[in-house]
Amino acid sequence: MGLMDSAKDAAEATGEKIGRKVDDAKEAASDKVDEMQADAEVKKKEAELKKAESEAEATKAKNEYKKDLRD
Protein backbone atom coordinates (compact mmCIF):
# COMPACT_ATOMS: atom_id res chain seq x y z
CA MET A 1 0.00 0.00 0.00
CA GLY A 2 2.99 2.31 0.35
CA LEU A 3 3.18 2.92 -3.37
CA MET A 4 -0.56 3.66 -3.59
CA ASP A 5 -0.36 6.06 -0.66
CA SER A 6 2.61 7.82 -2.21
CA ALA A 7 0.81 8.15 -5.54
CA LYS A 8 -2.32 9.40 -3.76
CA ASP A 9 -0.31 11.97 -1.80
CA ALA A 10 1.47 13.11 -4.95
CA ALA A 11 -1.83 13.47 -6.80
CA GLU A 12 -3.33 15.45 -3.93
CA ALA A 13 -0.30 17.73 -3.75
CA THR A 14 -0.42 18.26 -7.50
CA GLY A 15 -4.14 19.03 -7.31
CA GLU A 16 -3.57 21.54 -4.53
CA LYS A 17 -0.76 23.20 -6.46
CA ILE A 18 -2.90 23.45 -9.58
CA GLY A 19 -5.74 24.85 -7.48
CA ARG A 20 -3.44 27.54 -6.05
CA LYS A 21 -2.21 28.41 -9.55
CA VAL A 22 -5.80 28.74 -10.79
CA ASP A 23 -6.67 30.96 -7.80
CA ASP A 24 -3.57 33.08 -8.45
CA ALA A 25 -4.50 33.45 -12.11
CA LYS A 26 -8.07 34.45 -11.23
CA GLU A 27 -6.76 37.00 -8.74
CA ALA A 28 -4.32 38.43 -11.28
CA ALA A 29 -7.10 38.73 -13.87
CA SER A 30 -9.35 40.41 -11.34
CA ASP A 31 -6.57 42.84 -10.43
CA LYS A 32 -6.04 43.69 -14.11
CA VAL A 33 -9.76 44.32 -14.59
CA ASP A 34 -9.78 46.59 -11.54
CA GLU A 35 -6.76 48.47 -12.89
CA MET A 36 -8.38 48.91 -16.30
CA GLN A 37 -11.61 50.16 -14.71
CA ALA A 38 -9.68 52.66 -12.61
CA ASP A 39 -7.80 53.90 -15.68
CA ALA A 40 -11.08 54.29 -17.56
CA GLU A 41 -12.55 56.25 -14.65
CA VAL A 42 -9.52 58.57 -14.62
CA LYS A 43 -9.86 59.18 -18.36
CA LYS A 44 -13.57 59.88 -17.93
CA LYS A 45 -12.91 62.40 -15.17
CA GLU A 46 -10.16 64.06 -17.22
CA ALA A 47 -12.59 64.43 -20.14
CA GLU A 48 -15.23 65.89 -17.83
CA LEU A 49 -12.68 68.37 -16.48
CA LYS A 50 -11.67 69.46 -19.99
CA LYS A 51 -15.35 69.92 -20.90
CA ALA A 52 -15.98 72.00 -17.78
CA GLU A 53 -12.91 74.14 -18.47
CA SER A 54 -14.06 74.71 -22.05
CA GLU A 55 -17.52 75.67 -20.89
CA ALA A 56 -16.05 78.08 -18.33
CA GLU A 57 -13.86 79.69 -20.99
CA ALA A 58 -16.83 80.01 -23.35
CA THR A 59 -18.95 81.61 -20.64
CA LYS A 60 -16.16 84.01 -19.76
CA ALA A 61 -15.72 84.99 -23.41
CA LYS A 62 -19.49 85.47 -23.81
CA ASN A 63 -19.65 87.64 -20.69
CA GLU A 64 -16.71 89.76 -21.85
CA TYR A 65 -18.37 90.22 -25.24
CA LYS A 66 -21.62 91.30 -23.58
CA LYS A 67 -19.71 93.72 -21.35
CA ASP A 68 -17.98 95.22 -24.39
CA LEU A 69 -21.36 95.69 -26.07
CA ARG A 70 -22.68 97.56 -23.03
CA ASP A 71 -19.73 99.96 -23.00
PDB file of N, CA and C in Angstrom:
ATOM      1  N   MET A   1       0.809  -1.188   0.000  1.00  0.00           N
ATOM      2  CA  MET A   1       0.000   0.000   0.000  1.00  0.00           C
ATOM      3  C   MET A   1       0.854   1.255   0.000  1.00  0.00           C
ATOM      4  N   GLY A   2       2.116   1.143   0.285  1.00  0.00           N
ATOM      5  CA  GLY A   2       2.987   2.306   0.349  1.00  0.00           C
ATOM      6  C   GLY A   2       3.053   3.040  -0.982  1.00  0.00           C
ATOM      7  N   LEU A   3       3.110   2.308  -2.044  1.00  0.00           N
ATOM      8  CA  LEU A   3       3.177   2.916  -3.369  1.00  0.00           C
ATOM      9  C   LEU A   3       1.870   3.637  -3.694  1.00  0.00           C
ATOM     10  N   MET A   4       0.745   3.043  -3.345  1.00  0.00           N
ATOM     11  CA  MET A   4      -0.559   3.659  -3.591  1.00  0.00           C
ATOM     12  C   MET A   4      -0.713   4.932  -2.764  1.00  0.00           C
ATOM     13  N   ASP A   5      -0.265   4.870  -1.514  1.00  0.00           N
ATOM     14  CA  ASP A   5      -0.362   6.058  -0.658  1.00  0.00           C
ATOM     15  C   ASP A   5       0.519   7.186  -1.187  1.00  0.00           C
ATOM     16  N   SER A   6       1.704   6.815  -1.658  1.00  0.00           N
ATOM     17  CA  SER A   6       2.607   7.821  -2.214  1.00  0.00           C
ATOM     18  C   SER A   6       2.015   8.453  -3.470  1.00  0.00           C
ATOM     19  N   ALA A   7       1.427   7.642  -4.313  1.00  0.00           N
ATOM     20  CA  ALA A   7       0.808   8.152  -5.536  1.00  0.00           C
ATOM     21  C   ALA A   7      -0.384   9.038  -5.202  1.00  0.00           C
ATOM     22  N   LYS A   8      -1.154   8.601  -4.193  1.00  0.00           N
ATOM     23  CA  LYS A   8      -2.316   9.399  -3.763  1.00  0.00           C
ATOM     24  C   LYS A   8      -1.861  10.743  -3.201  1.00  0.00           C
ATOM     25  N   ASP A   9      -0.840  10.728  -2.375  1.00  0.00           N
ATOM     26  CA  ASP A   9      -0.308  11.969  -1.798  1.00  0.00           C
ATOM     27  C   ASP A   9       0.232  12.892  -2.884  1.00  0.00           C
ATOM     28  N   ALA A  10       0.917  12.315  -3.856  1.00  0.00           N
ATOM     29  CA  ALA A  10       1.472  13.107  -4.954  1.00  0.00           C
ATOM     30  C   ALA A  10       0.351  13.723  -5.784  1.00  0.00           C
ATOM     31  N   ALA A  11      -0.693  12.955  -6.029  1.00  0.00           N
ATOM     32  CA  ALA A  11      -1.833  13.466  -6.804  1.00  0.00           C
ATOM     33  C   ALA A  11      -2.537  14.583  -6.046  1.00  0.00           C
ATOM     34  N   GLU A  12      -2.699  14.412  -4.737  1.00  0.00           N
ATOM     35  CA  GLU A  12      -3.335  15.450  -3.932  1.00  0.00           C
ATOM     36  C   GLU A  12      -2.490  16.716  -3.914  1.00  0.00           C
ATOM     37  N   ALA A  13      -1.199  16.574  -3.764  1.00  0.00           N
ATOM     38  CA  ALA A  13      -0.303  17.733  -3.746  1.00  0.00           C
ATOM     39  C   ALA A  13      -0.338  18.452  -5.092  1.00  0.00           C
ATOM     40  N   THR A  14      -0.355  17.665  -6.161  1.00  0.00           N
ATOM     41  CA  THR A  14      -0.424  18.260  -7.497  1.00  0.00           C
ATOM     42  C   THR A  14      -1.748  19.000  -7.678  1.00  0.00           C
ATOM     43  N   GLY A  15      -2.823  18.392  -7.227  1.00  0.00           N
ATOM     44  CA  GLY A  15      -4.140  19.032  -7.313  1.00  0.00           C
ATOM     45  C   GLY A  15      -4.185  20.330  -6.531  1.00  0.00           C
ATOM     46  N   GLU A  16      -3.606  20.326  -5.342  1.00  0.00           N
ATOM     47  CA  GLU A  16      -3.574  21.545  -4.526  1.00  0.00           C
ATOM     48  C   GLU A  16      -2.741  22.632  -5.202  1.00  0.00           C
ATOM     49  N   LYS A  17      -1.625  22.229  -5.773  1.00  0.00           N
ATOM     50  CA  LYS A  17      -0.759  23.198  -6.457  1.00  0.00           C
ATOM     51  C   LYS A  17      -1.475  23.801  -7.660  1.00  0.00           C
ATOM     52  N   ILE A  18      -2.152  22.965  -8.419  1.00  0.00           N
ATOM     53  CA  ILE A  18      -2.904  23.450  -9.580  1.00  0.00           C
ATOM     54  C   ILE A  18      -4.014  24.385  -9.111  1.00  0.00           C
ATOM     55  N   GLY A  19      -4.678  24.010  -8.036  1.00  0.00           N
ATOM     56  CA  GLY A  19      -5.739  24.853  -7.476  1.00  0.00           C
ATOM     57  C   GLY A  19      -5.212  26.218  -7.069  1.00  0.00           C
ATOM     58  N   ARG A  20      -4.045  26.258  -6.446  1.00  0.00           N
ATOM     59  CA  ARG A  20      -3.439  27.539  -6.054  1.00  0.00           C
ATOM     60  C   ARG A  20      -3.080  28.361  -7.280  1.00  0.00           C
ATOM     61  N   LYS A  21      -2.562  27.699  -8.311  1.00  0.00           N
ATOM     62  CA  LYS A  21      -2.212  28.413  -9.550  1.00  0.00           C
ATOM     63  C   LYS A  21      -3.461  29.005 -10.200  1.00  0.00           C
ATOM     64  N   VAL A  22      -4.548  28.246 -10.214  1.00  0.00           N
ATOM     65  CA  VAL A  22      -5.797  28.741 -10.786  1.00  0.00           C
ATOM     66  C   VAL A  22      -6.293  29.948  -9.982  1.00  0.00           C
ATOM     67  N   ASP A  23      -6.246  29.840  -8.657  1.00  0.00           N
ATOM     68  CA  ASP A  23      -6.672  30.960  -7.804  1.00  0.00           C
ATOM     69  C   ASP A  23      -5.796  32.188  -8.044  1.00  0.00           C
ATOM     70  N   ASP A  24      -4.496  31.971  -8.180  1.00  0.00           N
ATOM     71  CA  ASP A  24      -3.572  33.085  -8.448  1.00  0.00           C
ATOM     72  C   ASP A  24      -3.883  33.740  -9.792  1.00  0.00           C
ATOM     73  N   ALA A  25      -4.177  32.918 -10.779  1.00  0.00           N
ATOM     74  CA  ALA A  25      -4.495  33.446 -12.109  1.00  0.00           C
ATOM     75  C   ALA A  25      -5.800  34.234 -12.078  1.00  0.00           C
ATOM     76  N   LYS A  26      -6.801  33.730 -11.357  1.00  0.00           N
ATOM     77  CA  LYS A  26      -8.070  34.452 -11.234  1.00  0.00           C
ATOM     78  C   LYS A  26      -7.855  35.781 -10.514  1.00  0.00           C
ATOM     79  N   GLU A  27      -7.053  35.780  -9.489  1.00  0.00           N
ATOM     80  CA  GLU A  27      -6.762  37.002  -8.736  1.00  0.00           C
ATOM     81  C   GLU A  27      -6.025  38.013  -9.609  1.00  0.00           C
ATOM     82  N   ALA A  28      -5.066  37.539 -10.385  1.00  0.00           N
ATOM     83  CA  ALA A  28      -4.322  38.429 -11.280  1.00  0.00           C
ATOM     84  C   ALA A  28      -5.247  39.032 -12.334  1.00  0.00           C
ATOM     85  N   ALA A  29      -6.143  38.224 -12.880  1.00  0.00           N
ATOM     86  CA  ALA A  29      -7.099  38.727 -13.873  1.00  0.00           C
ATOM     87  C   ALA A  29      -8.026  39.752 -13.243  1.00  0.00           C
ATOM     88  N   SER A  30      -8.478  39.477 -12.050  1.00  0.00           N
ATOM     89  CA  SER A  30      -9.347  40.414 -11.340  1.00  0.00           C
ATOM     90  C   SER A  30      -8.626  41.726 -11.065  1.00  0.00           C
ATOM     91  N   ASP A  31      -7.362  41.636 -10.675  1.00  0.00           N
ATOM     92  CA  ASP A  31      -6.566  42.841 -10.430  1.00  0.00           C
ATOM     93  C   ASP A  31      -6.410  43.667 -11.705  1.00  0.00           C
ATOM     94  N   LYS A  32      -6.195  42.996 -12.827  1.00  0.00           N
ATOM     95  CA  LYS A  32      -6.037  43.685 -14.110  1.00  0.00           C
ATOM     96  C   LYS A  32      -7.339  44.377 -14.506  1.00  0.00           C
ATOM     97  N   VAL A  33      -8.453  43.714 -14.296  1.00  0.00           N
ATOM     98  CA  VAL A  33      -9.755  44.320 -14.594  1.00  0.00           C
ATOM     99  C   VAL A  33      -9.965  45.553 -13.725  1.00  0.00           C
ATOM    100  N   ASP A  34      -9.648  45.439 -12.438  1.00  0.00           N
ATOM    101  CA  ASP A  34      -9.780  46.586 -11.538  1.00  0.00           C
ATOM    102  C   ASP A  34      -8.904  47.748 -11.997  1.00  0.00           C
ATOM    103  N   GLU A  35      -7.691  47.436 -12.414  1.00  0.00           N
ATOM    104  CA  GLU A  35      -6.763  48.466 -12.891  1.00  0.00           C
ATOM    105  C   GLU A  35      -7.305  49.145 -14.148  1.00  0.00           C
ATOM    106  N   MET A  36      -7.842  48.349 -15.066  1.00  0.00           N
ATOM    107  CA  MET A  36      -8.380  48.909 -16.303  1.00  0.00           C
ATOM    108  C   MET A  36      -9.603  49.784 -16.016  1.00  0.00           C
ATOM    109  N   GLN A  37     -10.438  49.360 -15.072  1.00  0.00           N
ATOM    110  CA  GLN A  37     -11.610  50.156 -14.714  1.00  0.00           C
ATOM    111  C   GLN A  37     -11.193  51.475 -14.069  1.00  0.00           C
ATOM    112  N   ALA A  38     -10.170  51.430 -13.237  1.00  0.00           N
ATOM    113  CA  ALA A  38      -9.680  52.657 -12.605  1.00  0.00           C
ATOM    114  C   ALA A  38      -9.100  53.601 -13.654  1.00  0.00           C
ATOM    115  N   ASP A  39      -8.347  53.068 -14.607  1.00  0.00           N
ATOM    116  CA  ASP A  39      -7.797  53.897 -15.682  1.00  0.00           C
ATOM    117  C   ASP A  39      -8.913  54.533 -16.506  1.00  0.00           C
ATOM    118  N   ALA A  40      -9.951  53.765 -16.784  1.00  0.00           N
ATOM    119  CA  ALA A  40     -11.081  54.291 -17.556  1.00  0.00           C
ATOM    120  C   ALA A  40     -11.783  55.401 -16.782  1.00  0.00           C
ATOM    121  N   GLU A  41     -11.913  55.226 -15.485  1.00  0.00           N
ATOM    122  CA  GLU A  41     -12.550  56.251 -14.654  1.00  0.00           C
ATOM    123  C   GLU A  41     -11.722  57.531 -14.647  1.00  0.00           C
ATOM    124  N   VAL A  42     -10.404  57.397 -14.587  1.00  0.00           N
ATOM    125  CA  VAL A  42      -9.525  58.570 -14.620  1.00  0.00           C
ATOM    126  C   VAL A  42      -9.681  59.300 -15.947  1.00  0.00           C
ATOM    127  N   LYS A  43      -9.687  58.561 -17.038  1.00  0.00           N
ATOM    128  CA  LYS A  43      -9.855  59.182 -18.358  1.00  0.00           C
ATOM    129  C   LYS A  43     -11.205  59.885 -18.468  1.00  0.00           C
ATOM    130  N   LYS A  44     -12.230  59.281 -17.915  1.00  0.00           N
ATOM    131  CA  LYS A  44     -13.568  59.882 -17.935  1.00  0.00           C
ATOM    132  C   LYS A  44     -13.560  61.195 -17.157  1.00  0.00           C
ATOM    133  N   LYS A  45     -12.956  61.183 -15.992  1.00  0.00           N
ATOM    134  CA  LYS A  45     -12.909  62.397 -15.169  1.00  0.00           C
ATOM    135  C   LYS A  45     -12.067  63.484 -15.840  1.00  0.00           C
ATOM    136  N   GLU A  46     -10.991  63.083 -16.505  1.00  0.00           N
ATOM    137  CA  GLU A  46     -10.162  64.062 -17.223  1.00  0.00           C
ATOM    138  C   GLU A  46     -10.966  64.700 -18.353  1.00  0.00           C
ATOM    139  N   ALA A  47     -11.759  63.904 -19.051  1.00  0.00           N
ATOM    140  CA  ALA A  47     -12.594  64.430 -20.137  1.00  0.00           C
ATOM    141  C   ALA A  47     -13.650  65.379 -19.577  1.00  0.00           C
ATOM    142  N   GLU A  48     -14.236  65.018 -18.452  1.00  0.00           N
ATOM    143  CA  GLU A  48     -15.229  65.886 -17.826  1.00  0.00           C
ATOM    144  C   GLU A  48     -14.605  67.216 -17.403  1.00  0.00           C
ATOM    145  N   LEU A  49     -13.382  67.156 -16.888  1.00  0.00           N
ATOM    146  CA  LEU A  49     -12.678  68.372 -16.476  1.00  0.00           C
ATOM    147  C   LEU A  49     -12.415  69.266 -17.680  1.00  0.00           C
ATOM    148  N   LYS A  50     -11.940  68.679 -18.777  1.00  0.00           N
ATOM    149  CA  LYS A  50     -11.675  69.463 -19.987  1.00  0.00           C
ATOM    150  C   LYS A  50     -12.960  70.118 -20.493  1.00  0.00           C
ATOM    151  N   LYS A  51     -14.065  69.383 -20.453  1.00  0.00           N
ATOM    152  CA  LYS A  51     -15.347  69.924 -20.896  1.00  0.00           C
ATOM    153  C   LYS A  51     -15.747  71.097 -20.006  1.00  0.00           C
ATOM    154  N   ALA A  52     -15.621  70.936 -18.708  1.00  0.00           N
ATOM    155  CA  ALA A  52     -15.984  71.999 -17.779  1.00  0.00           C
ATOM    156  C   ALA A  52     -15.105  73.225 -17.981  1.00  0.00           C
ATOM    157  N   GLU A  53     -13.814  73.015 -18.215  1.00  0.00           N
ATOM    158  CA  GLU A  53     -12.910  74.141 -18.467  1.00  0.00           C
ATOM    159  C   GLU A  53     -13.292  74.865 -19.755  1.00  0.00           C
ATOM    160  N   SER A  54     -13.635  74.107 -20.782  1.00  0.00           N
ATOM    161  CA  SER A  54     -14.057  74.708 -22.053  1.00  0.00           C
ATOM    162  C   SER A  54     -15.334  75.517 -21.874  1.00  0.00           C
ATOM    163  N   GLU A  55     -16.271  74.961 -21.133  1.00  0.00           N
ATOM    164  CA  GLU A  55     -17.522  75.672 -20.885  1.00  0.00           C
ATOM    165  C   GLU A  55     -17.272  76.952 -20.083  1.00  0.00           C
ATOM    166  N   ALA A  56     -16.383  76.891 -19.123  1.00  0.00           N
ATOM    167  CA  ALA A  56     -16.051  78.075 -18.329  1.00  0.00           C
ATOM    168  C   ALA A  56     -15.407  79.143 -19.206  1.00  0.00           C
ATOM    169  N   GLU A  57     -14.500  78.734 -20.072  1.00  0.00           N
ATOM    170  CA  GLU A  57     -13.862  79.687 -20.989  1.00  0.00           C
ATOM    171  C   GLU A  57     -14.883  80.310 -21.936  1.00  0.00           C
ATOM    172  N   ALA A  58     -15.813  79.504 -22.439  1.00  0.00           N
ATOM    173  CA  ALA A  58     -16.833  80.014 -23.353  1.00  0.00           C
ATOM    174  C   ALA A  58     -17.739  81.009 -22.634  1.00  0.00           C
ATOM    175  N   THR A  59     -18.103  80.706 -21.413  1.00  0.00           N
ATOM    176  CA  THR A  59     -18.947  81.613 -20.635  1.00  0.00           C
ATOM    177  C   THR A  59     -18.215  82.919 -20.357  1.00  0.00           C
ATOM    178  N   LYS A  60     -16.957  82.810 -20.014  1.00  0.00           N
ATOM    179  CA  LYS A  60     -16.158  84.012 -19.757  1.00  0.00           C
ATOM    180  C   LYS A  60     -16.074  84.876 -21.018  1.00  0.00           C
ATOM    181  N   ALA A  61     -15.819  84.245 -22.147  1.00  0.00           N
ATOM    182  CA  ALA A  61     -15.723  84.985 -23.409  1.00  0.00           C
ATOM    183  C   ALA A  61     -17.062  85.641 -23.746  1.00  0.00           C
ATOM    184  N   LYS A  62     -18.153  84.927 -23.538  1.00  0.00           N
ATOM    185  CA  LYS A  62     -19.489  85.470 -23.808  1.00  0.00           C
ATOM    186  C   LYS A  62     -19.766  86.670 -22.907  1.00  0.00           C
ATOM    187  N   ASN A  63     -19.425  86.548 -21.636  1.00  0.00           N
ATOM    188  CA  ASN A  63     -19.652  87.641 -20.689  1.00  0.00           C
ATOM    189  C   ASN A  63     -18.805  88.865 -21.034  1.00  0.00           C
ATOM    190  N   GLU A  64     -17.571  88.640 -21.444  1.00  0.00           N
ATOM    191  CA  GLU A  64     -16.715  89.761 -21.850  1.00  0.00           C
ATOM    192  C   GLU A  64     -17.275  90.446 -23.095  1.00  0.00           C
ATOM    193  N   TYR A  65     -17.781  89.656 -24.028  1.00  0.00           N
ATOM    194  CA  TYR A  65     -18.369  90.216 -25.244  1.00  0.00           C
ATOM    195  C   TYR A  65     -19.591  91.078 -24.898  1.00  0.00           C
ATOM    196  N   LYS A  66     -20.439  90.554 -23.999  1.00  0.00           N
ATOM    197  CA  LYS A  66     -21.624  91.296 -23.578  1.00  0.00           C
ATOM    198  C   LYS A  66     -21.240  92.604 -22.887  1.00  0.00           C
ATOM    199  N   LYS A  67     -20.190  92.530 -22.064  1.00  0.00           N
ATOM    200  CA  LYS A  67     -19.711  93.720 -21.345  1.00  0.00           C
ATOM    201  C   LYS A  67     -19.227  94.754 -22.350  1.00  0.00           C
ATOM    202  N   ASP A  68     -18.482  94.302 -23.362  1.00  0.00           N
ATOM    203  CA  ASP A  68     -17.976  95.218 -24.386  1.00  0.00           C
ATOM    204  C   ASP A  68     -19.144  95.860 -25.139  1.00  0.00           C
ATOM    205  N   LEU A  69     -20.210  95.121 -25.378  1.00  0.00           N
ATOM    206  CA  LEU A  69     -21.356  95.685 -26.074  1.00  0.00           C
ATOM    207  C   LEU A  69     -22.058  96.752 -25.222  1.00  0.00           C
ATOM    208  N   ARG A  70     -22.045  96.587 -23.925  1.00  0.00           N
ATOM    209  CA  ARG A  70     -22.682  97.559 -23.034  1.00  0.00           C
ATOM    210  C   ARG A  70     -21.887  98.856 -22.934  1.00  0.00           C
ATOM    211  N   ASP A  71     -20.583  98.764 -23.144  1.00  0.00           N
ATOM    212  CA  ASP A  71     -19.727  99.957 -23.004  1.00  0.00           C
ATOM    213  C   ASP A  71     -19.811 100.880 -24.165  1.00  0.00           C
TER     214      ASP A  71
END
